[in-house]
Amino acid sequence: MAVIIEVAVDPIGTGSTSVGDLVKQAVSVIARRGYKYQVCAMGTVIEVPSLREIGELIDEIHNELVKLGVKRIVTVIRIDDRRDKSETIEYKVSRVTQH
């Protein structure tokens, strides 16, 4: 069963109020790992196979941003670890958007 997480990565102290290019780099890490994901206005929703992979993913995202010169990163993570049935991002969205 996939774990669905929402991640918001905020690079701080970059000298600019715009962080879109840095967020693109974070999203590229998610894509390279082959996870299903959906970018939203304030974060990214991702399906990961296990709780263990969340830490590895965040570590890789932070390392990528540090390579680009970011000195401080604040990351907020929400985890939906549902064990009674398998759900996907699409299913969760469709449950609240279908009329």
N, C-alpha and C. Protein backbone atom coordinates (compact mmCIF):
# COMPACT_ATOMS: atom_id res chain seq x y z
N MET A 1 0.83 -1.19 0.00
CA MET A 1 0.00 0.00 0.00
C MET A 1 0.87 1.24 0.00
N ALA A 2 0.51 2.19 -0.82
CA ALA A 2 1.26 3.44 -0.89
C ALA A 2 0.92 4.34 0.29
N VAL A 3 1.90 5.11 0.69
CA VAL A 3 1.71 6.16 1.67
C VAL A 3 1.61 7.45 0.87
N ILE A 4 0.61 8.26 1.16
CA ILE A 4 0.46 9.53 0.45
C ILE A 4 0.96 10.64 1.36
N ILE A 5 1.87 11.45 0.82
CA ILE A 5 2.43 12.54 1.61
C ILE A 5 2.25 13.86 0.86
N GLU A 6 2.21 14.92 1.63
CA GLU A 6 2.23 16.26 1.06
C GLU A 6 3.48 16.94 1.59
N VAL A 7 4.28 17.48 0.69
CA VAL A 7 5.55 18.09 1.06
C VAL A 7 5.58 19.53 0.56
N ALA A 8 5.96 20.44 1.44
CA ALA A 8 6.20 21.83 1.06
C ALA A 8 7.63 22.16 1.44
N VAL A 9 8.44 22.47 0.45
CA VAL A 9 9.86 22.78 0.65
C VAL A 9 10.05 24.28 0.46
N ASP A 10 10.60 24.93 1.46
CA ASP A 10 10.81 26.38 1.42
C ASP A 10 12.28 26.71 1.58
N PRO A 11 12.98 26.99 0.46
CA PRO A 11 14.36 27.45 0.56
C PRO A 11 14.38 28.86 1.16
N ILE A 12 15.23 29.08 2.14
CA ILE A 12 15.29 30.37 2.84
C ILE A 12 16.66 31.01 2.61
N GLY A 13 16.67 32.33 2.56
CA GLY A 13 17.93 33.05 2.44
C GLY A 13 18.56 32.96 1.07
N THR A 14 17.72 32.90 0.05
CA THR A 14 18.25 32.77 -1.31
C THR A 14 18.52 34.13 -1.96
N GLY A 15 18.11 35.21 -1.30
CA GLY A 15 18.29 36.53 -1.87
C GLY A 15 17.17 36.94 -2.82
N SER A 16 16.15 36.10 -2.94
CA SER A 16 15.03 36.38 -3.84
C SER A 16 13.73 35.93 -3.19
N THR A 17 12.66 36.65 -3.48
CA THR A 17 11.35 36.22 -2.98
C THR A 17 10.76 35.10 -3.84
N SER A 18 11.32 34.88 -5.01
CA SER A 18 10.86 33.83 -5.92
C SER A 18 11.68 32.57 -5.72
N VAL A 19 10.99 31.46 -5.50
CA VAL A 19 11.70 30.18 -5.29
C VAL A 19 11.26 29.12 -6.31
N GLY A 20 10.52 29.54 -7.34
CA GLY A 20 9.98 28.59 -8.31
C GLY A 20 11.03 27.70 -8.97
N ASP A 21 12.17 28.28 -9.34
CA ASP A 21 13.20 27.48 -10.00
C ASP A 21 13.78 26.43 -9.05
N LEU A 22 13.90 26.78 -7.78
CA LEU A 22 14.40 25.81 -6.80
C LEU A 22 13.38 24.72 -6.53
N VAL A 23 12.11 25.10 -6.48
CA VAL A 23 11.05 24.09 -6.29
C VAL A 23 11.03 23.14 -7.49
N LYS A 24 11.27 23.65 -8.70
CA LYS A 24 11.37 22.77 -9.88
C LYS A 24 12.44 21.71 -9.68
N GLN A 25 13.55 22.08 -9.09
CA GLN A 25 14.63 21.12 -8.83
C GLN A 25 14.18 20.06 -7.83
N ALA A 26 13.43 20.48 -6.81
CA ALA A 26 12.90 19.51 -5.84
C ALA A 26 11.95 18.54 -6.52
N VAL A 27 11.09 19.05 -7.38
CA VAL A 27 10.14 18.20 -8.11
C VAL A 27 10.89 17.25 -9.04
N SER A 28 12.00 17.70 -9.61
CA SER A 28 12.77 16.81 -10.50
C SER A 28 13.34 15.62 -9.74
N VAL A 29 13.66 15.80 -8.47
CA VAL A 29 14.13 14.67 -7.64
C VAL A 29 13.00 13.65 -7.50
N ILE A 30 11.80 14.12 -7.24
CA ILE A 30 10.64 13.23 -7.10
C ILE A 30 10.41 12.47 -8.40
N ALA A 31 10.46 13.18 -9.52
CA ALA A 31 10.24 12.55 -10.83
C ALA A 31 11.31 11.50 -11.13
N ARG A 32 12.56 11.81 -10.83
CA ARG A 32 13.66 10.85 -11.08
C ARG A 32 13.46 9.56 -10.30
N ARG A 33 12.87 9.66 -9.12
CA ARG A 33 12.63 8.46 -8.32
C ARG A 33 11.45 7.64 -8.84
N GLY A 34 10.69 8.20 -9.76
CA GLY A 34 9.59 7.46 -10.37
C GLY A 34 8.30 7.44 -9.56
N TYR A 35 8.18 8.32 -8.57
CA TYR A 35 6.96 8.37 -7.76
C TYR A 35 5.85 9.09 -8.52
N LYS A 36 4.61 8.66 -8.28
CA LYS A 36 3.47 9.43 -8.77
C LYS A 36 3.37 10.67 -7.90
N TYR A 37 3.11 11.82 -8.52
CA TYR A 37 3.02 13.05 -7.74
C TYR A 37 2.11 14.05 -8.44
N GLN A 38 1.66 15.01 -7.67
CA GLN A 38 0.83 16.09 -8.20
C GLN A 38 1.30 17.39 -7.54
N VAL A 39 1.77 18.31 -8.37
CA VAL A 39 2.20 19.62 -7.86
C VAL A 39 0.97 20.47 -7.62
N CYS A 40 0.91 21.10 -6.46
CA CYS A 40 -0.18 22.00 -6.10
C CYS A 40 0.41 23.39 -5.83
N ALA A 41 -0.43 24.35 -5.58
CA ALA A 41 0.03 25.72 -5.39
C ALA A 41 0.94 25.89 -4.17
N MET A 42 0.71 25.12 -3.12
CA MET A 42 1.45 25.31 -1.87
C MET A 42 2.26 24.09 -1.45
N GLY A 43 2.41 23.12 -2.33
CA GLY A 43 3.16 21.92 -2.00
C GLY A 43 2.99 20.88 -3.08
N THR A 44 3.51 19.70 -2.83
CA THR A 44 3.42 18.59 -3.78
C THR A 44 2.93 17.35 -3.04
N VAL A 45 1.95 16.67 -3.63
CA VAL A 45 1.42 15.42 -3.07
C VAL A 45 2.12 14.28 -3.80
N ILE A 46 2.59 13.30 -3.02
CA ILE A 46 3.41 12.22 -3.58
C ILE A 46 2.95 10.88 -3.02
N GLU A 47 2.95 9.85 -3.86
CA GLU A 47 2.73 8.48 -3.41
C GLU A 47 4.08 7.80 -3.27
N VAL A 48 4.39 7.35 -2.06
CA VAL A 48 5.64 6.63 -1.83
C VAL A 48 5.30 5.23 -1.34
N PRO A 49 6.15 4.24 -1.63
CA PRO A 49 5.84 2.86 -1.25
C PRO A 49 5.86 2.60 0.26
N SER A 50 6.66 3.37 1.01
CA SER A 50 6.78 3.08 2.44
C SER A 50 7.17 4.33 3.21
N LEU A 51 6.93 4.28 4.50
CA LEU A 51 7.35 5.39 5.37
C LEU A 51 8.86 5.60 5.31
N ARG A 52 9.60 4.54 5.21
CA ARG A 52 11.07 4.62 5.18
C ARG A 52 11.56 5.51 4.03
N GLU A 53 10.88 5.44 2.90
CA GLU A 53 11.33 6.19 1.73
C GLU A 53 11.12 7.69 1.85
N ILE A 54 10.26 8.11 2.78
CA ILE A 54 10.03 9.54 2.96
C ILE A 54 11.31 10.24 3.38
N GLY A 55 11.98 9.71 4.37
CA GLY A 55 13.23 10.31 4.84
C GLY A 55 14.29 10.35 3.75
N GLU A 56 14.40 9.27 2.99
CA GLU A 56 15.38 9.22 1.90
C GLU A 56 15.06 10.27 0.84
N LEU A 57 13.78 10.42 0.52
CA LEU A 57 13.37 11.41 -0.49
C LEU A 57 13.68 12.83 -0.02
N ILE A 58 13.32 13.15 1.21
CA ILE A 58 13.55 14.50 1.73
C ILE A 58 15.05 14.79 1.78
N ASP A 59 15.83 13.81 2.19
CA ASP A 59 17.29 13.98 2.23
C ASP A 59 17.83 14.29 0.84
N GLU A 60 17.35 13.58 -0.16
CA GLU A 60 17.81 13.80 -1.53
C GLU A 60 17.40 15.19 -2.04
N ILE A 61 16.18 15.61 -1.73
CA ILE A 61 15.72 16.94 -2.13
C ILE A 61 16.59 18.01 -1.47
N HIS A 62 16.82 17.89 -0.17
CA HIS A 62 17.65 18.87 0.53
C HIS A 62 19.06 18.91 -0.05
N ASN A 63 19.65 17.76 -0.30
CA ASN A 63 21.00 17.72 -0.87
C ASN A 63 21.06 18.40 -2.23
N GLU A 64 20.04 18.21 -3.04
CA GLU A 64 19.98 18.85 -4.36
C GLU A 64 19.95 20.37 -4.21
N LEU A 65 19.15 20.87 -3.28
CA LEU A 65 19.06 22.32 -3.08
C LEU A 65 20.34 22.89 -2.49
N VAL A 66 20.98 22.15 -1.61
CA VAL A 66 22.26 22.61 -1.03
C VAL A 66 23.31 22.72 -2.14
N LYS A 67 23.31 21.76 -3.08
CA LYS A 67 24.24 21.83 -4.21
C LYS A 67 24.04 23.10 -5.03
N LEU A 68 22.82 23.62 -5.01
CA LEU A 68 22.50 24.84 -5.76
C LEU A 68 22.76 26.10 -4.94
N GLY A 69 23.32 25.93 -3.74
CA GLY A 69 23.70 27.08 -2.93
C GLY A 69 22.75 27.47 -1.83
N VAL A 70 21.66 26.73 -1.65
CA VAL A 70 20.71 27.05 -0.58
C VAL A 70 21.34 26.66 0.75
N LYS A 71 21.30 27.58 1.70
CA LYS A 71 21.94 27.35 3.00
C LYS A 71 20.95 26.89 4.08
N ARG A 72 19.65 27.17 3.87
CA ARG A 72 18.65 26.79 4.86
C ARG A 72 17.37 26.38 4.14
N ILE A 73 16.77 25.29 4.61
CA ILE A 73 15.56 24.76 3.99
C ILE A 73 14.57 24.39 5.08
N VAL A 74 13.36 24.89 4.98
CA VAL A 74 12.29 24.50 5.89
C VAL A 74 11.33 23.61 5.10
N THR A 75 11.08 22.41 5.62
CA THR A 75 10.21 21.46 4.93
C THR A 75 9.08 21.03 5.85
N VAL A 76 7.86 21.10 5.34
CA VAL A 76 6.69 20.66 6.08
C VAL A 76 6.17 19.40 5.39
N ILE A 77 5.92 18.35 6.18
CA ILE A 77 5.47 17.07 5.63
C ILE A 77 4.18 16.64 6.33
N ARG A 78 3.17 16.28 5.54
CA ARG A 78 1.95 15.66 6.07
C ARG A 78 1.91 14.25 5.52
N ILE A 79 1.58 13.29 6.38
CA ILE A 79 1.61 11.88 5.99
C ILE A 79 0.23 11.25 6.18
N ASP A 80 -0.27 10.60 5.14
CA ASP A 80 -1.51 9.82 5.22
C ASP A 80 -1.11 8.35 5.08
N ASP A 81 -0.99 7.69 6.21
CA ASP A 81 -0.56 6.28 6.26
C ASP A 81 -1.78 5.42 6.55
N ARG A 82 -2.56 5.16 5.52
CA ARG A 82 -3.80 4.39 5.67
C ARG A 82 -3.51 2.92 5.44
N ARG A 83 -3.86 2.09 6.42
CA ARG A 83 -3.52 0.66 6.33
C ARG A 83 -4.72 -0.25 6.07
N ASP A 84 -5.94 0.30 6.14
CA ASP A 84 -7.10 -0.56 5.95
C ASP A 84 -7.48 -0.75 4.49
N LYS A 85 -7.06 0.16 3.63
CA LYS A 85 -7.29 -0.01 2.19
C LYS A 85 -6.31 0.85 1.42
N SER A 86 -6.10 0.46 0.18
CA SER A 86 -5.15 1.17 -0.67
C SER A 86 -5.86 2.32 -1.38
N GLU A 87 -5.25 3.50 -1.34
CA GLU A 87 -5.79 4.65 -2.03
C GLU A 87 -4.69 5.31 -2.85
N THR A 88 -5.11 6.03 -3.88
CA THR A 88 -4.17 6.77 -4.72
C THR A 88 -4.50 8.26 -4.62
N ILE A 89 -3.61 9.08 -5.12
CA ILE A 89 -3.88 10.51 -5.17
C ILE A 89 -5.17 10.76 -5.96
N GLU A 90 -5.28 10.13 -7.12
CA GLU A 90 -6.44 10.34 -7.99
C GLU A 90 -7.74 9.96 -7.29
N TYR A 91 -7.72 8.83 -6.57
CA TYR A 91 -8.93 8.39 -5.87
C TYR A 91 -9.34 9.41 -4.82
N LYS A 92 -8.38 9.87 -4.03
CA LYS A 92 -8.70 10.83 -2.97
C LYS A 92 -9.27 12.13 -3.55
N VAL A 93 -8.70 12.59 -4.65
CA VAL A 93 -9.19 13.82 -5.27
C VAL A 93 -10.59 13.60 -5.86
N SER A 94 -10.79 12.47 -6.53
CA SER A 94 -12.09 12.21 -7.16
C SER A 94 -13.21 12.08 -6.14
N ARG A 95 -12.91 11.61 -4.95
CA ARG A 95 -13.93 11.46 -3.90
C ARG A 95 -14.53 12.80 -3.49
N VAL A 96 -13.79 13.87 -3.63
CA VAL A 96 -14.32 15.17 -3.20
C VAL A 96 -14.66 16.09 -4.37
N THR A 97 -14.32 15.68 -5.59
CA THR A 97 -14.61 16.55 -6.73
C THR A 97 -15.74 16.03 -7.62
N GLN A 98 -16.13 14.77 -7.47
CA GLN A 98 -17.23 14.23 -8.27
C GLN A 98 -18.55 14.74 -7.72
N HIS A 99 -19.45 15.08 -8.64
CA HIS A 99 -20.76 15.60 -8.22
C HIS A 99 -21.83 14.56 -8.43
